[in-house]
Amino acid sequence: MLPLIPILLVMTVLAANADVLITFGSGDTLSKGVVAVLAVVPTGLVVGLVAYCMALVDRSLGQGRTAMLRVGHRMRTAAQWVILLNYVFSVLVLDWLGVVQSAIGHVPLLSELVVMVPPILAFVILWWSWYPIERRLHETALLHRLDQGLPIHLPPDRWPYVCTQLRVHILLMLVPMLLILAASDAIETMFSHMDGEPSFRSTLAAICTAGAAGMVFLIAPWMARLLLGLCPMPRGEVRQDLEAVCHRHGVRVRDIMLWQTSGTMVNAAVMGMLPRLRYVLLTDALLEQLPRQHVLAVMAHEVGHVRCRHMPTLLLSLIATVIIAEAALYGMGALAPDWFASQDAASELARLAIALVIILLGFGWASRRIERQADAFAVRDLSGQDPACTVVTDEAIGAMTGSLEGIAALHGVDPRRWSWRHGAIAWRCGYLRSLSGCPLAGLPIDRTIRWLQCGAGGVLLLGGIIALSTLT
């Protein structure tokens, strides 16, 4: 759920700025002091309770009760959801953003940042309280690293650990989104003082905002490089092998970056749409702790995201799910106008919940299939290195499944643990094993993704036609 944090933070204030507020009762409003208390105190209570429980979990781990680790994971996840739900309730129901704006005035981004401070600070405290458990797990892993003859990294101190979590899970997405929000606010303010028809000004402002968002999106990889402190991977055999994967598939990247995490993260990613601003990053722990063939499988997975155009597919899928949600709400309003078309608070909450469920289910399904195709791409790449091979080999499947299972083991993640965007490791590995002996030229997941792209494109086209017809 961590990637949802910055998205929900920004989308909630955008909805509040667009006056998408949910009101109850006769319209009586709470005092500003009460709203501030309700926005901050519940979050503080949850964080304090979880911090105390994390200390108990750490003590239990010290006594050898490892089953408590799963309890700690679940409590931390539950606390994250409670914090986000309280934030959404405070902003969209209690009008917490409006209270802050009335107190400090309309300063671009300042009021939005103020309302985001309590949940962000709450996440920082959660990571702070989780650190002793993370340190204990890291120290336990040192014995395994010694047995395997792997490089030894001392666990990071508390503040570096917390800052790394903050940068990765919040700032990496929040900073570009806030830049877009600031640009949109500045553009609207500028065009509001211009002469001309309101409709023309609003259209021009929308075009400029879209252009500014596109520019931020293009330079986001460069910002990520600064936020994460990435450095180019040194020249050597490993880098040559990784570059060879890119060259085989005609994928151009600006650089292959190394992310120094003191051995705490085993991960890889590809960032950027344009070749001149596209980076592939791999963490130090990934290179140190996985066998060479597993590292190449991970690299092929990331290259597959670019080669199969997964970023545009994800964007198209997201827009399509939003259109489908809007269509579903429209249909429900036509069938049951007394419930879904009314303007009372219960109906607004129901519409919001239904739309979010449709978007999360649809986008999650598409995202998991995209990850599955990237896994299959890696298996195809490893199998195809033998020119005489025309089918998926067990050796290639073993390399990719080994990398997935190895990453899960090094992070202490249950392979059966489900992920909204990526699915469970066991689910992905099971699919890869089912590909044994399949022709390289046509894997089943490729057809699934083509149907997904055609379906999402059709929904977008139909939505555009309907939107144009309503304007004319």
Protein backbone atom coordinates (compact mmCIF):
# COMPACT_ATOMS: atom_id res chain seq x y z
CA MET A 1 0.00 0.00 0.00
CA LEU A 2 3.00 2.33 0.40
CA PRO A 3 2.87 3.65 -3.21
CA LEU A 4 -0.67 4.83 -2.46
CA ILE A 5 0.48 7.21 0.27
CA PRO A 6 1.62 10.20 -1.85
CA ILE A 7 -1.18 9.57 -4.36
CA LEU A 8 -3.88 9.76 -1.67
CA LEU A 9 -2.22 12.75 -0.02
CA VAL A 10 -2.31 14.81 -3.21
CA MET A 11 -5.58 13.56 -4.71
CA THR A 12 -7.42 14.34 -1.48
CA VAL A 13 -6.33 17.99 -1.41
CA LEU A 14 -7.10 18.27 -5.14
CA ALA A 15 -10.63 17.04 -4.46
CA ALA A 16 -10.98 19.54 -1.60
CA ASN A 17 -9.74 22.41 -3.80
CA ALA A 18 -12.34 21.39 -6.38
CA ASP A 19 -15.02 21.64 -3.63
CA VAL A 20 -15.67 17.89 -3.68
CA LEU A 21 -16.67 17.88 -0.02
CA ILE A 22 -19.04 15.57 1.81
CA THR A 23 -21.41 17.30 4.23
CA PHE A 24 -23.64 15.72 6.87
CA GLY A 25 -26.75 16.95 8.60
CA SER A 26 -28.25 20.39 8.14
CA GLY A 27 -24.99 22.04 7.22
CA ASP A 28 -23.86 23.08 10.73
CA THR A 29 -20.07 23.20 10.80
CA LEU A 30 -17.71 22.39 13.61
CA SER A 31 -15.45 25.03 15.08
CA LYS A 32 -11.93 25.36 13.72
CA GLY A 33 -10.42 24.11 16.95
CA VAL A 34 -12.55 20.96 16.96
CA VAL A 35 -11.65 20.26 13.30
CA ALA A 36 -7.95 20.64 14.10
CA VAL A 37 -8.26 18.27 17.06
CA LEU A 38 -10.12 15.65 15.01
CA ALA A 39 -7.55 15.93 12.22
CA VAL A 40 -4.53 15.47 14.47
CA VAL A 41 -5.40 13.70 17.73
CA PRO A 42 -6.74 10.35 16.32
CA THR A 43 -3.59 10.02 14.22
CA GLY A 44 -1.43 10.73 17.25
CA LEU A 45 -3.27 8.16 19.36
CA VAL A 46 -2.89 5.46 16.70
CA VAL A 47 0.80 6.19 16.28
CA GLY A 48 1.40 6.13 20.04
CA LEU A 49 -0.42 2.81 20.43
CA VAL A 50 1.44 1.20 17.53
CA ALA A 51 4.81 2.51 18.75
CA TYR A 52 4.15 0.85 22.11
CA CYS A 53 3.15 -2.41 20.42
CA MET A 54 6.26 -2.31 18.23
CA ALA A 55 8.38 -2.18 21.38
CA LEU A 56 6.58 -5.30 22.63
CA VAL A 57 7.15 -7.04 19.28
CA ASP A 58 10.85 -6.17 19.41
CA ARG A 59 11.08 -7.60 22.91
CA SER A 60 9.32 -10.78 21.79
CA LEU A 61 11.77 -11.20 18.90
CA GLY A 62 14.60 -10.91 21.37
CA GLN A 63 13.08 -13.85 23.22
CA GLY A 64 12.93 -15.94 20.05
CA ARG A 65 9.17 -15.54 19.40
CA THR A 66 9.47 -14.94 15.66
CA ALA A 67 5.74 -15.41 15.09
CA MET A 68 5.26 -11.91 16.52
CA LEU A 69 6.97 -10.46 13.43
CA ARG A 70 3.88 -11.16 11.32
CA VAL A 71 1.73 -9.49 13.98
CA GLY A 72 3.96 -6.45 13.84
CA HIS A 73 3.69 -6.26 10.04
CA ARG A 74 -0.10 -6.42 10.22
CA MET A 75 -0.33 -3.79 12.93
CA ARG A 76 1.89 -1.42 11.00
CA THR A 77 -0.18 -1.89 7.82
CA ALA A 78 -3.44 -1.35 9.75
CA ALA A 79 -2.03 1.81 11.32
CA GLN A 80 -1.05 3.16 7.89
CA TRP A 81 -4.59 2.68 6.62
CA VAL A 82 -6.11 4.32 9.71
CA ILE A 83 -3.81 7.33 9.31
CA LEU A 84 -4.74 7.75 5.64
CA LEU A 85 -8.46 7.27 6.26
CA ASN A 86 -8.43 9.84 9.06
CA TYR A 87 -6.61 12.25 6.73
CA VAL A 88 -9.18 11.75 3.94
CA PHE A 89 -12.06 12.13 6.43
CA SER A 90 -10.57 15.31 7.89
CA VAL A 91 -10.02 16.96 4.50
CA LEU A 92 -13.16 15.86 2.60
CA VAL A 93 -15.69 15.74 5.44
CA LEU A 94 -14.43 18.17 8.08
CA ASP A 95 -12.94 20.57 5.48
CA TRP A 96 -9.57 20.58 7.25
CA LEU A 97 -7.98 22.25 4.22
CA GLY A 98 -10.53 25.06 4.31
CA VAL A 99 -9.85 25.61 8.00
CA VAL A 100 -6.11 25.91 7.37
CA GLN A 101 -6.63 28.23 4.38
CA SER A 102 -8.86 30.53 6.45
CA ALA A 103 -6.20 30.68 9.15
CA ILE A 104 -3.07 31.32 7.06
CA GLY A 105 -4.54 32.74 3.86
CA HIS A 106 -4.18 31.49 0.31
CA VAL A 107 -0.45 30.92 -0.15
CA PRO A 108 0.31 28.48 -3.01
CA LEU A 109 1.07 24.99 -1.64
CA LEU A 110 1.45 26.18 1.98
CA SER A 111 -2.01 25.15 3.17
CA GLU A 112 -1.77 21.84 1.30
CA LEU A 113 1.57 21.11 2.94
CA VAL A 114 0.20 21.98 6.38
CA VAL A 115 -2.66 19.47 6.13
CA MET A 116 -0.21 16.81 4.89
CA VAL A 117 2.17 17.27 7.82
CA PRO A 118 0.23 15.15 10.39
CA PRO A 119 0.03 11.98 8.25
CA ILE A 120 3.61 12.36 6.98
CA LEU A 121 4.89 12.90 10.52
CA ALA A 122 2.85 9.87 11.62
CA PHE A 123 4.55 7.69 9.00
CA VAL A 124 7.94 8.99 10.12
CA ILE A 125 7.16 7.97 13.72
CA LEU A 126 5.98 4.54 12.53
CA TRP A 127 9.29 3.98 10.75
CA TRP A 128 11.12 5.28 13.82
CA SER A 129 9.33 2.74 16.04
CA TRP A 130 9.87 -0.07 13.51
CA TYR A 131 13.61 0.55 13.30
CA PRO A 132 14.64 -1.72 16.26
CA ILE A 133 12.84 -4.62 14.58
CA GLU A 134 14.49 -3.85 11.24
CA ARG A 135 17.88 -3.63 12.93
CA ARG A 136 17.36 -6.99 14.66
CA LEU A 137 16.45 -8.60 11.31
CA HIS A 138 19.51 -7.03 9.69
CA GLU A 139 21.81 -8.35 12.42
CA THR A 140 20.29 -11.81 12.05
CA ALA A 141 20.98 -11.70 8.31
CA LEU A 142 24.64 -10.90 9.00
CA LEU A 143 25.23 -14.50 10.09
CA HIS A 144 23.88 -15.74 6.78
CA ARG A 145 26.07 -13.28 4.89
CA LEU A 146 29.15 -14.46 6.81
CA ASP A 147 28.36 -18.08 5.98
CA GLN A 148 27.97 -17.20 2.29
CA GLY A 149 31.12 -15.06 2.19
CA LEU A 150 29.12 -11.98 1.19
CA PRO A 151 30.11 -8.37 1.94
CA ILE A 152 29.13 -7.19 5.41
CA HIS A 153 27.25 -3.92 5.95
CA LEU A 154 26.63 -2.52 9.39
CA PRO A 155 22.95 -1.66 9.89
CA PRO A 156 22.22 2.03 9.32
CA ASP A 157 21.52 4.29 12.25
CA ARG A 158 17.96 5.21 13.08
CA TRP A 159 17.73 8.57 11.34
CA PRO A 160 19.36 7.43 8.06
CA TYR A 161 16.93 4.49 8.02
CA VAL A 162 13.92 6.76 8.59
CA CYS A 163 15.11 9.27 5.99
CA THR A 164 15.56 6.49 3.43
CA GLN A 165 12.00 5.26 4.03
CA LEU A 166 10.69 8.82 3.75
CA ARG A 167 12.47 9.45 0.47
CA VAL A 168 11.51 6.13 -1.11
CA HIS A 169 7.90 5.78 -0.02
CA ILE A 170 6.71 9.41 0.07
CA LEU A 171 9.04 12.04 -1.37
CA LEU A 172 9.89 10.12 -4.54
CA MET A 173 6.32 10.55 -5.80
CA LEU A 174 5.15 13.44 -3.65
CA VAL A 175 7.75 15.98 -4.85
CA PRO A 176 6.82 15.72 -8.58
CA MET A 177 3.11 15.76 -7.71
CA LEU A 178 3.53 18.87 -5.58
CA LEU A 179 5.45 20.56 -8.38
CA ILE A 180 2.53 19.86 -10.72
CA LEU A 181 0.12 21.17 -8.09
CA ALA A 182 2.17 24.36 -7.67
CA ALA A 183 2.38 24.87 -11.43
CA SER A 184 -1.39 24.39 -11.76
CA ASP A 185 -2.07 26.92 -9.00
CA ALA A 186 0.30 29.48 -10.54
CA ILE A 187 -1.18 29.02 -14.02
CA GLU A 188 -4.74 29.42 -12.77
CA THR A 189 -3.79 32.55 -10.86
CA MET A 190 -2.07 34.02 -13.92
CA PHE A 191 -4.95 33.35 -16.30
CA SER A 192 -7.57 34.58 -13.83
CA HIS A 193 -6.16 38.10 -14.24
CA MET A 194 -6.20 37.99 -18.04
CA ASP A 195 -8.87 39.45 -20.28
CA GLY A 196 -11.03 37.24 -22.44
CA GLU A 197 -13.86 34.76 -22.25
CA PRO A 198 -13.84 32.59 -19.10
CA SER A 199 -14.21 29.41 -21.16
CA PHE A 200 -11.22 30.36 -23.32
CA ARG A 201 -9.09 31.19 -20.26
CA SER A 202 -9.98 27.94 -18.53
CA THR A 203 -9.21 25.91 -21.66
CA LEU A 204 -5.87 27.66 -22.12
CA ALA A 205 -5.05 27.17 -18.44
CA ALA A 206 -5.85 23.46 -18.72
CA ILE A 207 -3.55 23.12 -21.74
CA CYS A 208 -0.70 24.91 -19.95
CA THR A 209 -1.22 22.79 -16.83
CA ALA A 210 -1.06 19.62 -18.91
CA GLY A 211 2.16 20.86 -20.50
CA ALA A 212 3.67 21.65 -17.10
CA ALA A 213 2.66 18.20 -15.82
CA GLY A 214 4.31 16.62 -18.86
CA MET A 215 7.54 18.50 -18.23
CA VAL A 216 7.61 17.43 -14.58
CA PHE A 217 6.89 13.85 -15.63
CA LEU A 218 9.82 13.91 -18.05
CA ILE A 219 12.33 15.23 -15.51
CA ALA A 220 11.04 13.01 -12.69
CA PRO A 221 13.87 10.44 -13.20
CA TRP A 222 16.45 13.20 -12.77
CA MET A 223 14.72 14.30 -9.55
CA ALA A 224 14.64 10.67 -8.36
CA ARG A 225 18.37 10.44 -8.98
CA LEU A 226 18.93 13.41 -6.68
CA LEU A 227 16.47 12.26 -4.01
CA LEU A 228 17.90 8.76 -3.78
CA GLY A 229 21.53 9.79 -4.12
CA LEU A 230 22.19 7.45 -7.06
CA CYS A 231 25.61 7.11 -8.66
CA PRO A 232 26.68 5.47 -11.94
CA MET A 233 27.53 1.80 -11.68
CA PRO A 234 31.30 1.27 -12.00
CA ARG A 235 32.65 -0.22 -15.21
CA GLY A 236 33.28 -3.92 -15.15
CA GLU A 237 31.96 -7.31 -16.19
CA VAL A 238 28.68 -6.91 -14.31
CA ARG A 239 27.88 -3.62 -15.98
CA GLN A 240 28.83 -5.01 -19.41
CA ASP A 241 26.43 -7.92 -18.93
CA LEU A 242 23.64 -5.56 -17.87
CA GLU A 243 24.24 -3.27 -20.84
CA ALA A 244 24.17 -6.30 -23.13
CA VAL A 245 20.58 -6.99 -22.02
CA CYS A 246 19.61 -3.46 -23.10
CA HIS A 247 21.42 -3.75 -26.43
CA ARG A 248 19.78 -7.09 -27.28
CA HIS A 249 16.36 -5.49 -27.15
CA GLY A 250 17.19 -2.03 -28.50
CA VAL A 251 16.41 -0.28 -25.22
CA ARG A 252 18.43 2.89 -24.76
CA VAL A 253 19.15 4.22 -21.28
CA ARG A 254 21.09 7.23 -20.15
CA ASP A 255 22.89 5.28 -17.46
CA ILE A 256 22.78 2.26 -15.18
CA MET A 257 22.75 3.56 -11.63
CA LEU A 258 23.84 2.01 -8.35
CA TRP A 259 21.80 2.75 -5.25
CA GLN A 260 23.88 2.43 -2.08
CA THR A 261 21.51 1.25 0.68
CA SER A 262 24.08 -0.26 3.08
CA GLY A 263 22.76 -3.66 2.11
CA THR A 264 19.22 -2.96 3.38
CA MET A 265 17.29 -3.07 0.09
CA VAL A 266 17.25 -5.71 -2.64
CA ASN A 267 15.51 -4.04 -5.54
CA ALA A 268 15.71 -2.72 -9.09
CA ALA A 269 13.68 -0.28 -11.17
CA VAL A 270 13.57 1.53 -14.48
CA MET A 271 12.69 5.23 -14.56
CA GLY A 272 11.90 7.52 -17.46
CA MET A 273 10.05 7.54 -20.77
CA LEU A 274 12.68 9.23 -22.94
CA PRO A 275 16.01 7.48 -23.61
CA ARG A 276 17.99 10.60 -22.65
CA LEU A 277 16.23 10.72 -19.28
CA ARG A 278 15.86 6.98 -18.64
CA TYR A 279 17.78 5.27 -15.86
CA VAL A 280 17.96 1.70 -14.66
CA LEU A 281 18.85 1.42 -11.00
CA LEU A 282 19.95 -1.58 -8.98
CA THR A 283 20.69 -1.65 -5.28
CA ASP A 284 23.98 -2.72 -3.77
CA ALA A 285 22.35 -5.63 -1.94
CA LEU A 286 20.85 -6.97 -5.17
CA LEU A 287 24.26 -7.14 -6.82
CA GLU A 288 25.97 -8.56 -3.74
CA GLN A 289 23.50 -11.20 -2.62
CA LEU A 290 21.99 -12.64 -5.81
CA PRO A 291 23.85 -14.92 -8.24
CA ARG A 292 24.89 -13.36 -11.55
CA GLN A 293 22.17 -15.19 -13.54
CA HIS A 294 19.50 -13.97 -11.12
CA VAL A 295 20.75 -10.39 -11.46
CA LEU A 296 20.53 -10.68 -15.25
CA ALA A 297 16.96 -11.99 -14.89
CA VAL A 298 16.05 -8.93 -12.80
CA MET A 299 17.68 -6.66 -15.39
CA ALA A 300 15.73 -8.36 -18.20
CA HIS A 301 12.54 -7.86 -16.19
CA GLU A 302 13.19 -4.11 -15.98
CA VAL A 303 14.13 -3.90 -19.67
CA GLY A 304 10.88 -5.74 -20.43
CA HIS A 305 8.93 -2.89 -18.85
CA VAL A 306 10.44 -0.52 -21.42
CA ARG A 307 10.37 -2.87 -24.40
CA CYS A 308 6.71 -3.78 -23.85
CA ARG A 309 5.75 -0.11 -23.29
CA HIS A 310 4.33 -0.75 -19.86
CA MET A 311 4.35 2.86 -18.70
CA PRO A 312 1.93 4.05 -21.43
CA THR A 313 -0.14 0.91 -20.87
CA LEU A 314 -0.41 1.66 -17.16
CA LEU A 315 -1.44 5.25 -17.86
CA LEU A 316 -3.99 4.12 -20.44
CA SER A 317 -5.36 1.53 -18.02
CA LEU A 318 -5.70 4.10 -15.25
CA ILE A 319 -7.63 6.52 -17.47
CA ALA A 320 -9.82 3.67 -18.71
CA THR A 321 -10.69 2.56 -15.18
CA VAL A 322 -11.63 6.13 -14.24
CA ILE A 323 -13.94 6.32 -17.28
CA ILE A 324 -15.46 2.95 -16.40
CA ALA A 325 -16.04 4.13 -12.83
CA GLU A 326 -17.76 7.28 -14.09
CA ALA A 327 -19.92 5.23 -16.45
CA ALA A 328 -20.84 2.83 -13.65
CA LEU A 329 -21.88 5.70 -11.40
CA TYR A 330 -23.91 7.24 -14.21
CA GLY A 331 -25.68 3.93 -14.80
CA MET A 332 -26.41 3.46 -11.11
CA GLY A 333 -27.77 6.99 -10.94
CA ALA A 334 -30.13 6.26 -13.83
CA LEU A 335 -31.31 2.99 -12.27
CA ALA A 336 -31.64 4.26 -8.69
CA PRO A 337 -31.81 8.07 -8.78
CA ASP A 338 -33.17 8.34 -5.24
CA TRP A 339 -29.99 6.81 -3.88
CA PHE A 340 -27.11 7.32 -6.28
CA ALA A 341 -28.16 10.66 -7.84
CA SER A 342 -29.05 12.52 -4.67
CA GLN A 343 -26.70 15.01 -3.07
CA ASP A 344 -26.86 13.85 0.55
CA ALA A 345 -23.75 12.70 2.39
CA ALA A 346 -24.60 8.99 2.32
CA SER A 347 -24.98 9.03 -1.46
CA GLU A 348 -21.75 10.98 -1.95
CA LEU A 349 -19.86 8.52 0.24
CA ALA A 350 -21.37 5.58 -1.64
CA ARG A 351 -20.41 7.06 -5.02
CA LEU A 352 -16.88 7.79 -3.83
CA ALA A 353 -16.46 4.30 -2.39
CA ILE A 354 -17.80 2.60 -5.53
CA ALA A 355 -15.55 4.67 -7.80
CA LEU A 356 -12.47 3.93 -5.69
CA VAL A 357 -13.23 0.20 -5.59
CA ILE A 358 -13.65 0.05 -9.39
CA ILE A 359 -10.45 2.03 -10.00
CA LEU A 360 -8.39 0.03 -7.50
CA LEU A 361 -9.66 -3.32 -8.75
CA GLY A 362 -9.27 -2.48 -12.44
CA PHE A 363 -5.89 -0.78 -12.19
CA GLY A 364 -4.57 -3.42 -9.80
CA TRP A 365 -5.58 -6.21 -12.18
CA ALA A 366 -3.85 -4.47 -15.10
CA SER A 367 -0.72 -3.74 -13.05
CA ARG A 368 -0.35 -7.34 -11.93
CA ARG A 369 -0.63 -8.63 -15.51
CA ILE A 370 2.00 -6.13 -16.57
CA GLU A 371 4.37 -7.47 -13.91
CA ARG A 372 3.60 -10.98 -15.12
CA GLN A 373 4.51 -10.00 -18.68
CA ALA A 374 7.79 -8.47 -17.49
CA ASP A 375 8.59 -11.74 -15.70
CA ALA A 376 7.77 -13.69 -18.86
CA PHE A 377 9.92 -11.29 -20.92
CA ALA A 378 12.88 -12.07 -18.68
CA VAL A 379 12.32 -15.80 -19.10
CA ARG A 380 12.10 -15.35 -22.88
CA ASP A 381 15.33 -13.33 -22.88
CA LEU A 382 17.24 -15.92 -20.87
CA SER A 383 15.90 -18.79 -22.98
CA GLY A 384 16.62 -17.00 -26.26
CA GLN A 385 20.32 -16.56 -25.56
CA ASP A 386 20.74 -19.95 -27.17
CA PRO A 387 20.00 -19.27 -30.88
CA ALA A 388 18.83 -22.86 -31.37
CA CYS A 389 16.27 -22.62 -28.55
CA THR A 390 12.66 -21.90 -29.56
CA VAL A 391 10.85 -22.71 -26.30
CA VAL A 392 10.99 -21.53 -22.70
CA THR A 393 13.63 -23.48 -20.81
CA ASP A 394 13.54 -24.70 -17.23
CA GLU A 395 16.91 -23.04 -16.62
CA ALA A 396 15.50 -19.62 -17.55
CA ILE A 397 12.43 -20.20 -15.38
CA GLY A 398 14.68 -21.22 -12.51
CA ALA A 399 16.74 -18.04 -12.82
CA MET A 400 13.69 -15.74 -12.74
CA THR A 401 11.82 -17.59 -10.02
CA GLY A 402 15.05 -17.82 -8.05
CA SER A 403 15.50 -14.05 -8.23
CA LEU A 404 11.91 -13.41 -7.09
CA GLU A 405 12.09 -15.91 -4.25
CA GLY A 406 15.56 -14.70 -3.29
CA ILE A 407 14.42 -11.08 -3.07
CA ALA A 408 11.42 -12.12 -0.97
CA ALA A 409 13.61 -14.17 1.38
CA LEU A 410 16.18 -11.38 1.80
CA HIS A 411 13.39 -8.91 2.65
CA GLY A 412 11.69 -11.38 4.98
CA VAL A 413 8.50 -11.32 2.87
CA ASP A 414 6.14 -14.31 2.84
CA PRO A 415 5.97 -15.50 -0.83
CA ARG A 416 2.21 -15.89 -0.39
CA ARG A 417 1.78 -12.30 0.75
CA TRP A 418 -0.43 -10.51 -1.77
CA SER A 419 0.51 -7.18 -3.33
CA TRP A 420 -2.08 -4.95 -4.96
CA ARG A 421 0.23 -3.91 -7.80
CA HIS A 422 2.57 -6.90 -8.14
CA GLY A 423 0.65 -9.90 -6.85
CA ALA A 424 2.17 -12.58 -4.62
CA ILE A 425 5.65 -13.94 -5.35
CA ALA A 426 4.25 -17.48 -5.25
CA TRP A 427 1.55 -16.51 -7.76
CA ARG A 428 4.11 -15.05 -10.16
CA CYS A 429 6.48 -18.01 -9.81
CA GLY A 430 3.64 -20.48 -10.36
CA TYR A 431 2.76 -18.81 -13.64
CA LEU A 432 6.37 -18.82 -14.81
CA ARG A 433 6.68 -22.55 -14.13
CA SER A 434 3.56 -23.13 -16.23
CA LEU A 435 5.43 -21.64 -19.24
CA SER A 436 7.92 -24.51 -19.44
CA GLY A 437 8.13 -25.66 -23.06
CA CYS A 438 5.94 -22.84 -24.42
CA PRO A 439 7.05 -21.31 -27.76
CA LEU A 440 9.05 -18.13 -27.31
CA ALA A 441 7.20 -16.46 -30.17
CA GLY A 442 3.80 -16.33 -28.48
CA LEU A 443 3.39 -16.49 -24.71
CA PRO A 444 -0.16 -16.38 -23.32
CA ILE A 445 0.45 -13.23 -21.27
CA ASP A 446 1.36 -11.32 -24.44
CA ARG A 447 -2.15 -11.93 -25.80
CA THR A 448 -3.64 -10.85 -22.48
CA ILE A 449 -1.76 -7.55 -22.56
CA ARG A 450 -2.76 -6.93 -26.17
CA TRP A 451 -6.41 -7.42 -25.21
CA LEU A 452 -5.87 -5.09 -22.25
CA GLN A 453 -4.37 -2.38 -24.46
CA CYS A 454 -7.12 -2.70 -27.07
CA GLY A 455 -9.84 -2.68 -24.42
CA ALA A 456 -8.40 0.33 -22.58
CA GLY A 457 -7.91 2.18 -25.88
CA GLY A 458 -11.49 1.43 -26.88
CA VAL A 459 -12.81 2.73 -23.56
CA LEU A 460 -10.74 5.90 -23.93
CA LEU A 461 -11.95 6.43 -27.50
CA LEU A 462 -15.58 5.87 -26.55
CA GLY A 463 -15.24 8.19 -23.58
CA GLY A 464 -13.73 10.89 -25.79
CA ILE A 465 -16.56 10.58 -28.32
CA ILE A 466 -19.18 10.86 -25.59
CA ALA A 467 -17.42 13.86 -24.06
CA LEU A 468 -17.24 15.66 -27.42
CA SER A 469 -20.88 14.92 -28.15
CA THR A 470 -21.94 16.47 -24.84
CA LEU A 471 -19.91 19.61 -25.59
CA THR A 472 -21.52 20.07 -28.99
